[in-house]
N, C-alpha and C. Protein backbone atom coordinates (compact mmCIF):
# COMPACT_ATOMS: atom_id res chain seq x y z
N UNK A 1 14.64 2.48 15.91
CA UNK A 1 16.06 2.24 16.04
C UNK A 1 16.78 3.06 14.98
N UNK A 2 17.78 3.77 15.40
CA UNK A 2 18.54 4.57 14.45
C UNK A 2 19.58 3.70 13.76
N UNK A 3 20.11 4.24 12.67
CA UNK A 3 21.13 3.50 11.93
C UNK A 3 22.36 3.30 12.79
N UNK A 4 22.72 4.31 13.58
CA UNK A 4 23.87 4.20 14.47
C UNK A 4 23.70 3.08 15.47
N UNK A 5 22.51 2.96 16.04
CA UNK A 5 22.24 1.87 16.97
C UNK A 5 22.31 0.53 16.25
N UNK A 6 21.69 0.46 15.07
CA UNK A 6 21.70 -0.80 14.32
C UNK A 6 23.12 -1.19 13.94
N UNK A 7 23.96 -0.20 13.69
CA UNK A 7 25.34 -0.47 13.28
C UNK A 7 26.10 -1.24 14.36
N UNK A 8 25.74 -0.99 15.62
CA UNK A 8 26.50 -1.61 16.70
C UNK A 8 25.87 -2.88 17.25
N UNK A 9 24.74 -3.30 16.72
CA UNK A 9 24.06 -4.47 17.23
C UNK A 9 24.69 -5.74 16.69
N UNK A 10 24.92 -6.69 17.56
CA UNK A 10 25.40 -8.01 17.14
C UNK A 10 24.22 -8.96 17.29
N UNK A 11 23.41 -9.05 16.25
CA UNK A 11 22.21 -9.87 16.30
C UNK A 11 22.55 -11.30 15.93
N UNK A 12 22.15 -12.28 16.76
CA UNK A 12 22.42 -13.67 16.40
C UNK A 12 21.57 -14.10 15.21
N UNK A 13 22.05 -15.08 14.47
CA UNK A 13 21.26 -15.63 13.37
C UNK A 13 20.01 -16.28 13.93
N UNK A 14 18.93 -16.23 13.16
CA UNK A 14 17.67 -16.82 13.59
C UNK A 14 17.67 -18.31 13.35
N UNK A 15 17.15 -19.04 14.29
CA UNK A 15 16.96 -20.48 14.09
C UNK A 15 15.55 -20.68 13.55
N UNK A 16 15.26 -21.80 12.91
CA UNK A 16 13.92 -22.05 12.37
C UNK A 16 12.83 -21.99 13.43
N UNK A 17 13.16 -22.24 14.70
CA UNK A 17 12.15 -22.24 15.75
C UNK A 17 11.83 -20.84 16.26
N UNK A 18 12.66 -19.86 15.96
CA UNK A 18 12.44 -18.50 16.46
C UNK A 18 11.36 -17.80 15.67
N UNK A 19 10.70 -16.85 16.32
CA UNK A 19 9.70 -16.03 15.66
C UNK A 19 10.11 -14.57 15.84
N UNK A 20 11.05 -14.09 15.01
CA UNK A 20 11.58 -12.74 15.20
C UNK A 20 10.55 -11.67 14.83
N UNK A 21 10.71 -10.49 15.42
CA UNK A 21 9.85 -9.36 15.08
C UNK A 21 10.27 -8.81 13.71
N UNK A 22 9.44 -7.93 13.18
CA UNK A 22 9.76 -7.30 11.89
C UNK A 22 11.05 -6.51 12.01
N UNK A 23 11.21 -5.76 13.10
CA UNK A 23 12.42 -4.97 13.30
C UNK A 23 13.66 -5.86 13.37
N UNK A 24 13.57 -6.96 14.10
CA UNK A 24 14.70 -7.90 14.18
C UNK A 24 15.04 -8.48 12.81
N UNK A 25 14.01 -8.75 12.03
CA UNK A 25 14.23 -9.30 10.69
C UNK A 25 14.92 -8.29 9.80
N UNK A 26 14.50 -7.02 9.85
CA UNK A 26 15.15 -5.97 9.05
C UNK A 26 16.62 -5.82 9.43
N UNK A 27 16.91 -5.85 10.72
CA UNK A 27 18.30 -5.74 11.17
C UNK A 27 19.11 -6.94 10.69
N UNK A 28 18.50 -8.12 10.73
CA UNK A 28 19.20 -9.33 10.29
C UNK A 28 19.50 -9.27 8.79
N UNK A 29 18.55 -8.82 7.98
CA UNK A 29 18.78 -8.68 6.53
C UNK A 29 19.89 -7.66 6.29
N UNK A 30 19.79 -6.52 6.98
CA UNK A 30 20.81 -5.46 6.86
C UNK A 30 22.20 -6.01 7.21
N UNK A 31 22.28 -6.72 8.34
CA UNK A 31 23.57 -7.24 8.81
C UNK A 31 24.19 -8.20 7.80
N UNK A 32 23.39 -9.15 7.33
CA UNK A 32 23.93 -10.15 6.41
C UNK A 32 24.29 -9.52 5.06
N UNK A 33 23.43 -8.64 4.54
CA UNK A 33 23.65 -8.06 3.21
C UNK A 33 24.76 -7.02 3.19
N UNK A 34 24.77 -6.10 4.15
CA UNK A 34 25.72 -4.99 4.10
C UNK A 34 26.95 -5.19 4.98
N UNK A 35 26.79 -5.74 6.15
CA UNK A 35 27.93 -5.89 7.05
C UNK A 35 28.76 -7.11 6.68
N UNK A 36 28.09 -8.24 6.46
CA UNK A 36 28.80 -9.49 6.14
C UNK A 36 29.04 -9.66 4.64
N UNK A 37 28.44 -8.81 3.82
CA UNK A 37 28.55 -8.92 2.35
C UNK A 37 28.16 -10.31 1.85
N UNK A 38 27.11 -10.86 2.42
CA UNK A 38 26.63 -12.18 2.03
C UNK A 38 26.03 -12.14 0.63
N UNK A 39 26.12 -13.24 -0.08
CA UNK A 39 25.49 -13.34 -1.40
C UNK A 39 24.03 -13.77 -1.29
N UNK A 40 23.66 -14.29 -0.11
CA UNK A 40 22.28 -14.65 0.18
C UNK A 40 22.03 -14.42 1.66
N UNK A 41 20.81 -14.00 1.97
CA UNK A 41 20.39 -13.78 3.36
C UNK A 41 19.64 -15.02 3.82
N UNK A 42 19.97 -15.51 5.00
CA UNK A 42 19.29 -16.66 5.57
C UNK A 42 18.40 -16.20 6.71
N UNK A 43 17.10 -16.48 6.57
CA UNK A 43 16.12 -16.18 7.61
C UNK A 43 15.43 -17.50 7.95
N UNK A 44 15.77 -18.07 9.07
CA UNK A 44 15.24 -19.38 9.40
C UNK A 44 15.77 -20.39 8.41
N UNK A 45 14.87 -21.12 7.76
CA UNK A 45 15.28 -22.11 6.76
C UNK A 45 15.25 -21.54 5.34
N UNK A 46 14.80 -20.30 5.20
CA UNK A 46 14.70 -19.68 3.86
C UNK A 46 15.98 -18.92 3.51
N UNK A 47 16.32 -18.95 2.22
CA UNK A 47 17.47 -18.19 1.70
C UNK A 47 16.97 -17.24 0.62
N UNK A 48 17.43 -15.99 0.69
CA UNK A 48 17.03 -14.97 -0.27
C UNK A 48 18.29 -14.35 -0.87
N UNK A 49 18.41 -14.32 -2.21
CA UNK A 49 19.63 -13.79 -2.82
C UNK A 49 19.77 -12.28 -2.62
N UNK A 50 21.01 -11.85 -2.45
CA UNK A 50 21.33 -10.42 -2.43
C UNK A 50 21.70 -10.06 -3.86
N UNK A 51 20.92 -9.18 -4.46
CA UNK A 51 21.16 -8.77 -5.85
C UNK A 51 21.69 -7.34 -5.90
N UNK A 52 22.29 -6.98 -7.01
CA UNK A 52 22.72 -5.61 -7.25
C UNK A 52 21.77 -4.98 -8.26
N UNK A 53 21.37 -3.72 -7.99
CA UNK A 53 20.53 -3.03 -8.95
C UNK A 53 21.35 -2.76 -10.21
N UNK A 54 20.68 -2.69 -11.35
CA UNK A 54 21.39 -2.55 -12.62
C UNK A 54 22.10 -1.21 -12.75
N UNK A 55 21.44 -0.13 -12.41
CA UNK A 55 21.99 1.20 -12.67
C UNK A 55 23.05 1.63 -11.65
N UNK A 56 22.74 1.51 -10.39
CA UNK A 56 23.63 2.04 -9.34
C UNK A 56 24.43 0.97 -8.59
N UNK A 57 24.14 -0.29 -8.88
CA UNK A 57 24.82 -1.41 -8.21
C UNK A 57 24.65 -1.37 -6.69
N UNK A 58 23.43 -1.01 -6.27
CA UNK A 58 23.07 -1.03 -4.86
C UNK A 58 22.54 -2.40 -4.51
N UNK A 59 22.78 -2.85 -3.30
CA UNK A 59 22.30 -4.16 -2.89
C UNK A 59 20.83 -4.12 -2.51
N UNK A 60 20.11 -5.17 -2.90
CA UNK A 60 18.70 -5.30 -2.55
C UNK A 60 18.39 -6.76 -2.25
N UNK A 61 17.44 -6.94 -1.34
CA UNK A 61 17.02 -8.29 -0.95
C UNK A 61 15.51 -8.31 -0.91
N UNK A 62 14.91 -9.23 -1.63
CA UNK A 62 13.47 -9.48 -1.56
C UNK A 62 13.26 -10.68 -0.64
N UNK A 63 12.39 -10.51 0.36
CA UNK A 63 12.11 -11.61 1.28
C UNK A 63 10.65 -11.55 1.71
N UNK A 64 10.22 -12.58 2.40
CA UNK A 64 8.84 -12.68 2.86
C UNK A 64 8.84 -12.64 4.38
N UNK A 65 7.99 -11.77 4.95
CA UNK A 65 7.81 -11.71 6.39
C UNK A 65 6.32 -11.80 6.69
N UNK A 66 5.92 -12.86 7.38
CA UNK A 66 4.52 -13.10 7.73
C UNK A 66 3.60 -12.93 6.52
N UNK A 67 4.00 -13.52 5.41
CA UNK A 67 3.18 -13.51 4.20
C UNK A 67 3.28 -12.26 3.35
N UNK A 68 4.02 -11.25 3.81
CA UNK A 68 4.18 -9.99 3.06
C UNK A 68 5.50 -10.02 2.30
N UNK A 69 5.48 -9.59 1.05
CA UNK A 69 6.70 -9.47 0.24
C UNK A 69 7.36 -8.14 0.57
N UNK A 70 8.60 -8.20 1.02
CA UNK A 70 9.35 -7.01 1.44
C UNK A 70 10.62 -6.93 0.61
N UNK A 71 10.99 -5.72 0.24
CA UNK A 71 12.29 -5.47 -0.41
C UNK A 71 13.06 -4.52 0.48
N UNK A 72 14.29 -4.88 0.81
CA UNK A 72 15.17 -3.99 1.55
C UNK A 72 16.25 -3.54 0.56
N UNK A 73 16.40 -2.23 0.41
CA UNK A 73 17.27 -1.64 -0.61
C UNK A 73 18.32 -0.76 0.03
N UNK A 74 19.56 -0.94 -0.39
CA UNK A 74 20.67 -0.11 0.09
C UNK A 74 20.45 1.34 -0.32
N UNK A 75 20.80 2.27 0.57
CA UNK A 75 20.65 3.69 0.29
C UNK A 75 21.61 4.14 -0.80
N UNK A 76 21.09 4.89 -1.77
CA UNK A 76 21.91 5.50 -2.81
C UNK A 76 22.65 6.69 -2.18
N UNK A 77 23.97 6.67 -2.12
CA UNK A 77 24.70 7.77 -1.49
C UNK A 77 24.76 9.03 -2.36
N UNK A 78 24.32 8.94 -3.61
CA UNK A 78 24.44 10.06 -4.53
C UNK A 78 23.22 10.96 -4.57
N UNK A 79 22.29 10.82 -3.63
CA UNK A 79 21.13 11.72 -3.57
C UNK A 79 21.40 12.79 -2.51
N UNK A 80 20.44 13.70 -2.33
CA UNK A 80 20.65 14.82 -1.42
C UNK A 80 19.99 14.62 -0.06
N UNK A 81 19.49 13.44 0.22
CA UNK A 81 18.78 13.21 1.48
C UNK A 81 19.76 13.06 2.65
N UNK A 82 19.23 13.17 3.86
CA UNK A 82 20.08 12.97 5.04
C UNK A 82 20.52 11.51 5.14
N UNK A 83 19.70 10.59 4.63
CA UNK A 83 20.07 9.17 4.61
C UNK A 83 21.28 8.97 3.69
N UNK A 84 21.28 9.66 2.56
CA UNK A 84 22.40 9.57 1.62
C UNK A 84 23.66 10.16 2.25
N UNK A 85 23.49 11.24 3.00
CA UNK A 85 24.64 11.84 3.68
C UNK A 85 25.24 10.85 4.67
N UNK A 86 24.38 10.12 5.37
CA UNK A 86 24.88 9.10 6.31
C UNK A 86 25.60 8.00 5.55
N UNK A 87 25.06 7.59 4.40
CA UNK A 87 25.71 6.55 3.59
C UNK A 87 27.07 7.04 3.09
N UNK A 88 27.13 8.29 2.66
CA UNK A 88 28.41 8.85 2.20
C UNK A 88 29.45 8.88 3.32
N UNK A 89 28.99 9.06 4.56
CA UNK A 89 29.91 9.13 5.70
C UNK A 89 30.41 7.75 6.12
N UNK A 90 29.90 6.70 5.47
CA UNK A 90 30.39 5.36 5.77
C UNK A 90 29.40 4.47 6.49
N UNK A 91 28.25 5.02 6.92
CA UNK A 91 27.24 4.17 7.55
C UNK A 91 26.59 3.29 6.50
N UNK A 92 26.17 2.13 6.90
CA UNK A 92 25.52 1.18 5.99
C UNK A 92 24.02 1.30 6.21
N UNK A 93 23.31 1.85 5.20
CA UNK A 93 21.90 2.18 5.34
C UNK A 93 21.07 1.39 4.33
N UNK A 94 19.99 0.79 4.81
CA UNK A 94 19.02 0.11 3.93
C UNK A 94 17.63 0.58 4.30
N UNK A 95 16.73 0.55 3.31
CA UNK A 95 15.33 0.93 3.51
C UNK A 95 14.42 -0.23 3.14
N UNK A 96 13.45 -0.55 4.00
CA UNK A 96 12.47 -1.58 3.63
C UNK A 96 11.33 -0.98 2.83
N UNK A 97 10.79 -1.74 1.91
CA UNK A 97 9.62 -1.35 1.12
C UNK A 97 8.72 -2.57 0.99
N UNK A 98 7.44 -2.36 1.11
CA UNK A 98 6.50 -3.46 0.86
C UNK A 98 6.36 -3.58 -0.65
N UNK A 99 6.52 -4.79 -1.15
CA UNK A 99 6.41 -5.01 -2.59
C UNK A 99 4.99 -5.36 -2.93
N UNK A 100 4.52 -4.86 -4.06
CA UNK A 100 3.21 -5.22 -4.55
C UNK A 100 3.27 -6.67 -5.05
N UNK A 101 2.23 -7.41 -4.77
CA UNK A 101 2.17 -8.80 -5.26
C UNK A 101 1.56 -8.80 -6.65
N UNK A 102 2.14 -9.54 -7.58
CA UNK A 102 1.61 -9.59 -8.95
C UNK A 102 0.26 -10.30 -8.96
N UNK A 103 -0.64 -9.82 -9.82
CA UNK A 103 -1.97 -10.43 -9.93
C UNK A 103 -2.04 -11.36 -11.12
């Protein structure tokens, strides 16, 4: 799914009984964090805070999907990538990353 497609999707909030796909979950996190400017993302019965990074004040959300720790991070518009160019043009872009679990 492209960012343009995700931008136009009106995804309903997940109920605790739903079992959303990974892609649906990423879109839901993106929608709540960047489109709705929520202070916390709600996935089922779980709530995950939307934090700002210290240096660039980009939004990030750490959440759990099927036992995996995931971080979704807002695109830094000040880099030279095509994703940054899209962010500079006004699109709301986030990237998922699998977080390492502490030992």
